[in-house]
């Protein structure tokens, strides 16, 4: 699904997930979106959402909206659907529902409780989408609001690191807004492969980071799962440069899209992987 400006959903809940992580415990994604293997039978099937390994977790509204559905599904058990603008987010495998059909809810309000796990499905204008893309969009909006307000408490470091692409930052961000979901899909489906030299460079960077104890300098969180701090700034900059370069390489090879500050021919020569 391609993102457009009308798809931006702003949340003042202060977080992007429908539940809070308990201190000292990680929450795992037990089943992803799309083609999956059944964890018990091994049968191949299409999963219309994502599942989290959470048991009896209180669930919150991720933005202000209205409960548009409550029912019992043969696959996902007790379900609750909340409409946020043109989005509909469904929580499945629930043990209890606190906000019934037609109820107005505010961002951060407790609306339900999960059962032995939580299923999350997302639709935009009735079209199904990967819930991780939806949650990532919310997270990006929240971080943007924090930066605008000078709040970097959950950040990796004070201030944004400068990359080799600062002069093209705005254009690259626009391209990412448009093409990043396609890039992620093509990676997942094997239609695009990260060049071997880029993959090796990333391995070397993370090996160096582990040797220099860059990881877990701070308490890990959803926003900062590796616990990166100020001393990891050189590592972060190198990773960002590699990932941006690979994204631009993907645009050139798969879509023939180039930065306006670079000639198409020169960019293609620079980004085509060496054989």
C-alpha atoms as a PDB file:
ATOM      1  CA  UNK A   1       0.000   0.000   0.000  1.00  0.00           C
ATOM      2  CA  UNK A   2       1.342   3.443  -0.955  1.00  0.00           C
ATOM      3  CA  UNK A   3       1.206   6.112   1.737  1.00  0.00           C
ATOM      4  CA  UNK A   4      -0.394   9.479   0.986  1.00  0.00           C
ATOM      5  CA  UNK A   5      -0.841  12.528   3.198  1.00  0.00           C
ATOM      6  CA  UNK A   6      -4.480  11.627   3.897  1.00  0.00           C
ATOM      7  CA  UNK A   7      -3.259   8.417   5.547  1.00  0.00           C
ATOM      8  CA  UNK A   8      -1.387  10.226   8.337  1.00  0.00           C
ATOM      9  CA  UNK A   9      -3.118   9.578  11.645  1.00  0.00           C
ATOM     10  CA  UNK A  10      -1.985  11.781  14.507  1.00  0.00           C
ATOM     11  CA  UNK A  11      -2.164  10.361  18.015  1.00  0.00           C
ATOM     12  CA  UNK A  12      -1.798  12.278  21.258  1.00  0.00           C
ATOM     13  CA  UNK A  13      -1.630   9.069  23.298  1.00  0.00           C
ATOM     14  CA  UNK A  14       2.146   9.430  23.645  1.00  0.00           C
ATOM     15  CA  UNK A  15       2.907   5.919  22.381  1.00  0.00           C
ATOM     16  CA  UNK A  16       2.249   3.831  19.297  1.00  0.00           C
ATOM     17  CA  UNK A  17       1.466   0.404  20.750  1.00  0.00           C
ATOM     18  CA  UNK A  18      -1.971  -0.694  22.044  1.00  0.00           C
ATOM     19  CA  UNK A  19      -0.405  -1.899  25.303  1.00  0.00           C
ATOM     20  CA  UNK A  20       2.364  -0.873  27.670  1.00  0.00           C
ATOM     21  CA  UNK A  21       5.351  -3.150  28.147  1.00  0.00           C
ATOM     22  CA  UNK A  22       5.826  -4.282  31.745  1.00  0.00           C
ATOM     23  CA  UNK A  23       9.167  -3.317  33.254  1.00  0.00           C
ATOM     24  CA  UNK A  24      11.822  -5.921  32.631  1.00  0.00           C
ATOM     25  CA  UNK A  25       9.723  -8.002  30.229  1.00  0.00           C
ATOM     26  CA  UNK A  26       9.863  -8.086  26.442  1.00  0.00           C
ATOM     27  CA  UNK A  27       6.779  -8.429  24.271  1.00  0.00           C
ATOM     28  CA  UNK A  28       7.361 -10.644  21.245  1.00  0.00           C
ATOM     29  CA  UNK A  29       5.671 -10.647  17.855  1.00  0.00           C
ATOM     30  CA  UNK A  30       4.514 -14.264  17.635  1.00  0.00           C
ATOM     31  CA  UNK A  31       3.100 -14.160  14.092  1.00  0.00           C
ATOM     32  CA  UNK A  32       3.616 -11.627  11.320  1.00  0.00           C
ATOM     33  CA  UNK A  33       1.431 -10.363   8.486  1.00  0.00           C
ATOM     34  CA  UNK A  34       1.104 -12.125   5.134  1.00  0.00           C
ATOM     35  CA  UNK A  35       2.181 -15.610   4.077  1.00  0.00           C
ATOM     36  CA  UNK A  36       3.069 -17.629   7.182  1.00  0.00           C
ATOM     37  CA  UNK A  37       3.643 -21.201   8.321  1.00  0.00           C
ATOM     38  CA  UNK A  38       1.180 -22.433  10.921  1.00  0.00           C
ATOM     39  CA  UNK A  39       3.147 -22.788  14.191  1.00  0.00           C
ATOM     40  CA  UNK A  40       1.603 -26.220  14.909  1.00  0.00           C
ATOM     41  CA  UNK A  41       0.713 -27.870  11.582  1.00  0.00           C
ATOM     42  CA  UNK A  42       3.358 -26.155   9.432  1.00  0.00           C
ATOM     43  CA  UNK A  43       0.659 -25.463   6.831  1.00  0.00           C
ATOM     44  CA  UNK A  44       1.190 -22.378   4.645  1.00  0.00           C
ATOM     45  CA  UNK A  45      -1.518 -19.718   5.025  1.00  0.00           C
ATOM     46  CA  UNK A  46      -2.127 -15.967   4.748  1.00  0.00           C
ATOM     47  CA  UNK A  47      -2.312 -14.168   8.088  1.00  0.00           C
ATOM     48  CA  UNK A  48      -4.515 -11.050   7.972  1.00  0.00           C
ATOM     49  CA  UNK A  49      -2.800  -9.207  10.817  1.00  0.00           C
ATOM     50  CA  UNK A  50      -0.096  -9.626  13.456  1.00  0.00           C
ATOM     51  CA  UNK A  51      -0.099 -11.505  16.769  1.00  0.00           C
ATOM     52  CA  UNK A  52       1.653 -10.586  20.014  1.00  0.00           C
ATOM     53  CA  UNK A  53       2.505 -13.003  22.813  1.00  0.00           C
ATOM     54  CA  UNK A  54       0.688 -11.086  25.535  1.00  0.00           C
ATOM     55  CA  UNK A  55      -1.547 -12.644  28.210  1.00  0.00           C
ATOM     56  CA  UNK A  56      -4.186 -10.616  30.052  1.00  0.00           C
ATOM     57  CA  UNK A  57      -2.761  -7.249  28.950  1.00  0.00           C
ATOM     58  CA  UNK A  58      -4.843  -4.082  29.199  1.00  0.00           C
ATOM     59  CA  UNK A  59      -5.311  -2.616  25.723  1.00  0.00           C
ATOM     60  CA  UNK A  60      -5.617   1.062  24.869  1.00  0.00           C
ATOM     61  CA  UNK A  61      -6.920   3.169  22.027  1.00  0.00           C
ATOM     62  CA  UNK A  62      -3.945   4.386  19.968  1.00  0.00           C
ATOM     63  CA  UNK A  63      -5.821   7.573  18.964  1.00  0.00           C
ATOM     64  CA  UNK A  64      -9.227   9.163  19.501  1.00  0.00           C
ATOM     65  CA  UNK A  65     -12.045   7.356  17.724  1.00  0.00           C
ATOM     66  CA  UNK A  66     -15.206   5.307  18.071  1.00  0.00           C
ATOM     67  CA  UNK A  67     -15.843   1.587  18.637  1.00  0.00           C
ATOM     68  CA  UNK A  68     -17.345   0.413  15.348  1.00  0.00           C
ATOM     69  CA  UNK A  69     -17.696  -3.264  16.118  1.00  0.00           C
ATOM     70  CA  UNK A  70     -17.730  -5.862  18.906  1.00  0.00           C
ATOM     71  CA  UNK A  71     -18.340  -9.530  18.195  1.00  0.00           C
ATOM     72  CA  UNK A  72     -17.202 -13.146  18.278  1.00  0.00           C
ATOM     73  CA  UNK A  73     -15.172 -14.338  15.295  1.00  0.00           C
ATOM     74  CA  UNK A  74     -14.674 -18.080  14.622  1.00  0.00           C
ATOM     75  CA  UNK A  75     -10.936 -17.506  14.041  1.00  0.00           C
ATOM     76  CA  UNK A  76     -10.017 -14.594  16.306  1.00  0.00           C
ATOM     77  CA  UNK A  77     -12.513 -15.113  19.119  1.00  0.00           C
ATOM     78  CA  UNK A  78     -13.892 -12.040  20.896  1.00  0.00           C
ATOM     79  CA  UNK A  79     -13.003  -9.020  18.752  1.00  0.00           C
ATOM     80  CA  UNK A  80     -13.281  -5.262  19.044  1.00  0.00           C
ATOM     81  CA  UNK A  81     -12.913  -2.830  16.144  1.00  0.00           C
ATOM     82  CA  UNK A  82     -12.174   0.867  16.645  1.00  0.00           C
ATOM     83  CA  UNK A  83     -12.480   3.419  13.855  1.00  0.00           C
ATOM     84  CA  UNK A  84      -9.862   6.177  13.802  1.00  0.00           C
ATOM     85  CA  UNK A  85     -10.808   8.447  10.923  1.00  0.00           C
ATOM     86  CA  UNK A  86     -10.579   6.252   7.831  1.00  0.00           C
ATOM     87  CA  UNK A  87      -8.682   3.519   9.688  1.00  0.00           C
ATOM     88  CA  UNK A  88     -10.260   0.536  11.395  1.00  0.00           C
ATOM     89  CA  UNK A  89      -8.125  -1.348  13.922  1.00  0.00           C
ATOM     90  CA  UNK A  90      -9.329  -4.722  15.196  1.00  0.00           C
ATOM     91  CA  UNK A  91      -8.150  -6.414  18.404  1.00  0.00           C
ATOM     92  CA  UNK A  92      -8.787 -10.166  18.493  1.00  0.00           C
ATOM     93  CA  UNK A  93      -8.497 -13.042  21.003  1.00  0.00           C
ATOM     94  CA  UNK A  94      -9.823 -10.791  23.785  1.00  0.00           C
ATOM     95  CA  UNK A  95     -10.814 -11.908  27.273  1.00  0.00           C
ATOM     96  CA  UNK A  96     -12.857  -8.795  28.040  1.00  0.00           C
ATOM     97  CA  UNK A  97     -14.190  -5.676  26.300  1.00  0.00           C
ATOM     98  CA  UNK A  98     -14.604  -2.421  28.249  1.00  0.00           C
ATOM     99  CA  UNK A  99     -15.689  -0.065  25.450  1.00  0.00           C
ATOM    100  CA  UNK A 100     -18.802  -1.342  23.698  1.00  0.00           C
ATOM    101  CA  UNK A 101     -20.192  -0.633  20.224  1.00  0.00           C
ATOM    102  CA  UNK A 102     -20.739   3.058  19.483  1.00  0.00           C
ATOM    103  CA  UNK A 103     -18.592   4.260  22.396  1.00  0.00           C
ATOM    104  CA  UNK A 104     -16.377   7.287  21.808  1.00  0.00           C
ATOM    105  CA  UNK A 105     -12.820   6.623  23.008  1.00  0.00           C
ATOM    106  CA  UNK A 106      -9.857   8.900  23.608  1.00  0.00           C
ATOM    107  CA  UNK A 107      -6.211   8.235  22.840  1.00  0.00           C
ATOM    108  CA  UNK A 108      -4.704   6.147  25.641  1.00  0.00           C
ATOM    109  CA  UNK A 109      -8.069   5.073  27.081  1.00  0.00           C
ATOM    110  CA  UNK A 110      -8.294   1.426  28.200  1.00  0.00           C
ATOM    111  CA  UNK A 111     -10.722  -0.350  25.865  1.00  0.00           C
ATOM    112  CA  UNK A 112     -10.211  -4.108  26.319  1.00  0.00           C
ATOM    113  CA  UNK A 113      -8.086  -6.916  27.770  1.00  0.00           C
ATOM    114  CA  UNK A 114      -6.232  -9.509  25.738  1.00  0.00           C
ATOM    115  CA  UNK A 115      -6.652 -13.224  26.225  1.00  0.00           C
ATOM    116  CA  UNK A 116      -3.702 -15.601  25.906  1.00  0.00           C
ATOM    117  CA  UNK A 117      -2.454 -13.571  22.918  1.00  0.00           C
ATOM    118  CA  UNK A 118      -3.443 -10.493  20.930  1.00  0.00           C
ATOM    119  CA  UNK A 119      -4.316 -10.291  17.241  1.00  0.00           C
ATOM    120  CA  UNK A 120      -4.201  -6.865  15.581  1.00  0.00           C
ATOM    121  CA  UNK A 121      -5.664  -6.193  12.136  1.00  0.00           C
ATOM    122  CA  UNK A 122      -5.733  -2.846  10.308  1.00  0.00           C
ATOM    123  CA  UNK A 123      -7.722  -1.530   7.337  1.00  0.00           C
ATOM    124  CA  UNK A 124      -7.639   1.840   5.596  1.00  0.00           C
ATOM    125  CA  UNK A 125     -10.784   2.741   3.641  1.00  0.00           C
ATOM    126  CA  UNK A 126     -11.693  -0.948   3.844  1.00  0.00           C
ATOM    127  CA  UNK A 127      -8.371  -2.089   2.364  1.00  0.00           C
ATOM    128  CA  UNK A 128      -6.279  -4.404   4.514  1.00  0.00           C
ATOM    129  CA  UNK A 129      -2.726  -3.345   5.337  1.00  0.00           C
ATOM    130  CA  UNK A 130       0.226  -4.594   7.369  1.00  0.00           C
ATOM    131  CA  UNK A 131      -0.409  -3.460  10.976  1.00  0.00           C
ATOM    132  CA  UNK A 132       3.336  -2.951  11.495  1.00  0.00           C
ATOM    133  CA  UNK A 133       3.262  -0.193   8.867  1.00  0.00           C
ATOM    134  CA  UNK A 134       0.372   1.438  10.744  1.00  0.00           C
ATOM    135  CA  UNK A 135       2.165   1.239  14.106  1.00  0.00           C
ATOM    136  CA  UNK A 136       5.392   2.505  12.536  1.00  0.00           C
ATOM    137  CA  UNK A 137       3.516   5.492  11.104  1.00  0.00           C
ATOM    138  CA  UNK A 138       2.103   6.308  14.558  1.00  0.00           C
ATOM    139  CA  UNK A 139       5.551   5.981  16.079  1.00  0.00           C
ATOM    140  CA  UNK A 140       6.989   8.373  13.458  1.00  0.00           C
ATOM    141  CA  UNK A 141       4.284  10.934  14.200  1.00  0.00           C
ATOM    142  CA  UNK A 142       4.889  10.712  17.951  1.00  0.00           C
ATOM    143  CA  UNK A 143       8.656  11.096  17.556  1.00  0.00           C
ATOM    144  CA  UNK A 144       8.122  14.078  15.249  1.00  0.00           C
ATOM    145  CA  UNK A 145       5.919  15.734  17.887  1.00  0.00           C
ATOM    146  CA  UNK A 146       8.514  15.008  20.586  1.00  0.00           C
ATOM    147  CA  UNK A 147      11.282  16.556  18.493  1.00  0.00           C
ATOM    148  CA  UNK A 148       9.141  19.590  17.734  1.00  0.00           C
ATOM    149  CA  UNK A 149       8.585  20.008  21.462  1.00  0.00           C
ATOM    150  CA  UNK A 150      12.226  19.365  22.311  1.00  0.00           C
ATOM    151  CA  UNK A 151      11.451  16.113  24.123  1.00  0.00           C
ATOM    152  CA  UNK A 152      14.168  13.546  23.505  1.00  0.00           C
ATOM    153  CA  UNK A 153      13.721  11.448  26.633  1.00  0.00           C
ATOM    154  CA  UNK A 154      13.146   8.261  24.663  1.00  0.00           C
ATOM    155  CA  UNK A 155      15.696   9.079  21.961  1.00  0.00           C
ATOM    156  CA  UNK A 156      19.002   7.375  21.392  1.00  0.00           C
ATOM    157  CA  UNK A 157      21.013  10.545  21.965  1.00  0.00           C
ATOM    158  CA  UNK A 158      20.651  14.311  22.234  1.00  0.00           C
ATOM    159  CA  UNK A 159      20.180  15.800  18.781  1.00  0.00           C
ATOM    160  CA  UNK A 160      19.799  14.065  15.404  1.00  0.00           C
ATOM    161  CA  UNK A 161      22.987  12.662  13.845  1.00  0.00           C
ATOM    162  CA  UNK A 162      24.138  14.126  10.572  1.00  0.00           C
ATOM    163  CA  UNK A 163      24.441  11.757   7.628  1.00  0.00           C
ATOM    164  CA  UNK A 164      26.148  12.107   4.262  1.00  0.00           C
ATOM    165  CA  UNK A 165      22.778  13.110   2.807  1.00  0.00           C
ATOM    166  CA  UNK A 166      21.924  16.227   4.833  1.00  0.00           C
ATOM    167  CA  UNK A 167      21.500  18.487   1.805  1.00  0.00           C
ATOM    168  CA  UNK A 168      18.921  16.055   0.398  1.00  0.00           C
ATOM    169  CA  UNK A 169      17.231  15.246   3.713  1.00  0.00           C
ATOM    170  CA  UNK A 170      13.786  16.675   2.852  1.00  0.00           C
ATOM    171  CA  UNK A 171      13.682  15.040  -0.575  1.00  0.00           C
ATOM    172  CA  UNK A 172      14.796  11.673   0.816  1.00  0.00           C
ATOM    173  CA  UNK A 173      12.152  11.851   3.549  1.00  0.00           C
ATOM    174  CA  UNK A 174       9.488  12.512   0.899  1.00  0.00           C
ATOM    175  CA  UNK A 175      10.729   9.553  -1.130  1.00  0.00           C
ATOM    176  CA  UNK A 176      10.688   7.344   1.970  1.00  0.00           C
ATOM    177  CA  UNK A 177       7.141   8.424   2.759  1.00  0.00           C
ATOM    178  CA  UNK A 178       6.110   7.295  -0.728  1.00  0.00           C
ATOM    179  CA  UNK A 179       8.312   4.261  -1.423  1.00  0.00           C
ATOM    180  CA  UNK A 180       9.362   2.779   1.935  1.00  0.00           C
ATOM    181  CA  UNK A 181       6.398   0.350   2.173  1.00  0.00           C
ATOM    182  CA  UNK A 182       7.225  -0.901  -1.354  1.00  0.00           C
ATOM    183  CA  UNK A 183      10.902  -1.229  -0.420  1.00  0.00           C
ATOM    184  CA  UNK A 184      10.022  -3.288   2.678  1.00  0.00           C
ATOM    185  CA  UNK A 185       7.605  -5.498   0.713  1.00  0.00           C
ATOM    186  CA  UNK A 186      10.159  -6.146  -2.043  1.00  0.00           C
ATOM    187  CA  UNK A 187      12.787  -7.071   0.553  1.00  0.00           C
ATOM    188  CA  UNK A 188      10.389  -9.413   2.332  1.00  0.00           C
ATOM    189  CA  UNK A 189       9.253 -11.102  -0.896  1.00  0.00           C
ATOM    190  CA  UNK A 190      12.772 -11.377  -2.352  1.00  0.00           C
ATOM    191  CA  UNK A 191      12.081  -9.056  -5.275  1.00  0.00           C
ATOM    192  CA  UNK A 192      14.991  -6.888  -4.106  1.00  0.00           C
ATOM    193  CA  UNK A 193      18.134  -8.106  -2.354  1.00  0.00           C
ATOM    194  CA  UNK A 194      20.512  -5.944  -0.355  1.00  0.00           C
ATOM    195  CA  UNK A 195      23.925  -5.959  -2.104  1.00  0.00           C
ATOM    196  CA  UNK A 196      26.438  -8.294  -0.468  1.00  0.00           C
ATOM    197  CA  UNK A 197      28.925  -5.492   0.264  1.00  0.00           C
ATOM    198  CA  UNK A 198      26.227  -3.505   2.110  1.00  0.00           C
ATOM    199  CA  UNK A 199      25.190  -6.530   4.156  1.00  0.00           C
ATOM    200  CA  UNK A 200      28.841  -7.244   5.048  1.00  0.00           C
ATOM    201  CA  UNK A 201      29.407  -3.619   6.065  1.00  0.00           C
ATOM    202  CA  UNK A 202      26.411  -3.757   8.407  1.00  0.00           C
ATOM    203  CA  UNK A 203      27.732  -6.963   9.980  1.00  0.00           C
ATOM    204  CA  UNK A 204      31.121  -5.326  10.553  1.00  0.00           C
ATOM    205  CA  UNK A 205      29.534  -2.242  12.139  1.00  0.00           C
ATOM    206  CA  UNK A 206      27.433  -4.250  14.581  1.00  0.00           C
ATOM    207  CA  UNK A 207      30.378  -6.480  15.443  1.00  0.00           C
ATOM    208  CA  UNK A 208      32.407  -3.358  16.254  1.00  0.00           C
ATOM    209  CA  UNK A 209      29.491  -1.976  18.283  1.00  0.00           C
ATOM    210  CA  UNK A 210      29.325  -5.141  20.364  1.00  0.00           C
ATOM    211  CA  UNK A 211      33.095  -5.131  20.959  1.00  0.00           C
ATOM    212  CA  UNK A 212      33.016  -1.506  22.107  1.00  0.00           C
ATOM    213  CA  UNK A 213      29.961  -2.078  24.337  1.00  0.00           C
ATOM    214  CA  UNK A 214      27.768   0.393  22.435  1.00  0.00           C
ATOM    215  CA  UNK A 215      24.660  -1.697  23.126  1.00  0.00           C
ATOM    216  CA  UNK A 216      22.538  -1.418  26.285  1.00  0.00           C
ATOM    217  CA  UNK A 217      24.188   1.784  27.475  1.00  0.00           C
ATOM    218  CA  UNK A 218      20.636   2.836  28.376  1.00  0.00           C
ATOM    219  CA  UNK A 219      17.610   0.834  29.477  1.00  0.00           C
ATOM    220  CA  UNK A 220      16.148  -0.774  26.306  1.00  0.00           C
ATOM    221  CA  UNK A 221      12.661   0.298  25.245  1.00  0.00           C
ATOM    222  CA  UNK A 222      10.323   0.009  22.253  1.00  0.00           C
ATOM    223  CA  UNK A 223      11.794   3.248  20.880  1.00  0.00           C
ATOM    224  CA  UNK A 224      15.385   2.175  21.579  1.00  0.00           C
ATOM    225  CA  UNK A 225      15.515  -1.656  21.680  1.00  0.00           C
ATOM    226  CA  UNK A 226      19.332  -1.824  21.695  1.00  0.00           C
ATOM    227  CA  UNK A 227      19.689   0.722  24.488  1.00  0.00           C
ATOM    228  CA  UNK A 228      21.929   2.975  22.377  1.00  0.00           C
ATOM    229  CA  UNK A 229      23.381   6.087  24.001  1.00  0.00           C
ATOM    230  CA  UNK A 230      25.608   9.017  23.109  1.00  0.00           C
ATOM    231  CA  UNK A 231      28.748   6.954  22.543  1.00  0.00           C
ATOM    232  CA  UNK A 232      26.954   4.921  19.846  1.00  0.00           C
ATOM    233  CA  UNK A 233      26.543   8.031  17.668  1.00  0.00           C
ATOM    234  CA  UNK A 234      29.327   7.063  15.191  1.00  0.00           C
ATOM    235  CA  UNK A 235      27.751   3.627  14.769  1.00  0.00           C
ATOM    236  CA  UNK A 236      24.298   5.127  14.207  1.00  0.00           C
ATOM    237  CA  UNK A 237      25.618   7.529  11.556  1.00  0.00           C
ATOM    238  CA  UNK A 238      27.354   4.721   9.640  1.00  0.00           C
ATOM    239  CA  UNK A 239      24.255   2.525   9.729  1.00  0.00           C
ATOM    240  CA  UNK A 240      22.059   5.408   8.560  1.00  0.00           C
ATOM    241  CA  UNK A 241      24.420   6.156   5.662  1.00  0.00           C
ATOM    242  CA  UNK A 242      24.356   2.506   4.547  1.00  0.00           C
ATOM    243  CA  UNK A 243      20.583   2.167   4.836  1.00  0.00           C
ATOM    244  CA  UNK A 244      19.890   5.443   3.015  1.00  0.00           C
ATOM    245  CA  UNK A 245      22.336   4.459   0.273  1.00  0.00           C
ATOM    246  CA  UNK A 246      20.614   1.092  -0.119  1.00  0.00           C
ATOM    247  CA  UNK A 247      17.179   2.739  -0.263  1.00  0.00           C
ATOM    248  CA  UNK A 248      18.422   5.060  -3.031  1.00  0.00           C
ATOM    249  CA  UNK A 249      19.972   2.083  -4.808  1.00  0.00           C
ATOM    250  CA  UNK A 250      16.569   0.357  -4.673  1.00  0.00           C
ATOM    251  CA  UNK A 251      14.814   3.427  -6.117  1.00  0.00           C
ATOM    252  CA  UNK A 252      17.280   3.612  -8.998  1.00  0.00           C
ATOM    253  CA  UNK A 253      17.156  -0.080  -9.866  1.00  0.00           C
ATOM    254  CA  UNK A 254      13.469  -0.832  -9.305  1.00  0.00           C
ATOM    255  CA  UNK A 255      11.734   2.472 -10.067  1.00  0.00           C
ATOM    256  CA  UNK A 256      14.322   4.572 -11.960  1.00  0.00           C
ATOM    257  CA  UNK A 257      13.829   7.334  -9.397  1.00  0.00           C
ATOM    258  CA  UNK A 258      16.809   9.555  -8.573  1.00  0.00           C
ATOM    259  CA  UNK A 259      17.541  12.505  -6.317  1.00  0.00           C
ATOM    260  CA  UNK A 260      17.051  15.824  -8.085  1.00  0.00           C
ATOM    261  CA  UNK A 261      20.571  16.919  -7.072  1.00  0.00           C
ATOM    262  CA  UNK A 262      22.136  13.985  -8.923  1.00  0.00           C
ATOM    263  CA  UNK A 263      22.011  13.061 -12.566  1.00  0.00           C
ATOM    264  CA  UNK A 264      20.153   9.833 -13.229  1.00  0.00           C
ATOM    265  CA  UNK A 265      23.031   8.288 -15.152  1.00  0.00           C
ATOM    266  CA  UNK A 266      25.631   9.161 -12.533  1.00  0.00           C
ATOM    267  CA  UNK A 267      23.422   7.935  -9.713  1.00  0.00           C
ATOM    268  CA  UNK A 268      22.857   4.630 -11.441  1.00  0.00           C
ATOM    269  CA  UNK A 269      26.601   4.167 -11.864  1.00  0.00           C
ATOM    270  CA  UNK A 270      27.194   4.992  -8.197  1.00  0.00           C
ATOM    271  CA  UNK A 271      24.507   2.737  -6.752  1.00  0.00           C
ATOM    272  CA  UNK A 272      24.558  -0.340  -8.965  1.00  0.00           C
ATOM    273  CA  UNK A 273      26.337  -3.018  -6.885  1.00  0.00           C
ATOM    274  CA  UNK A 274      29.715  -4.163  -8.118  1.00  0.00           C
ATOM    275  CA  UNK A 275      29.720  -7.701  -9.490  1.00  0.00           C
END
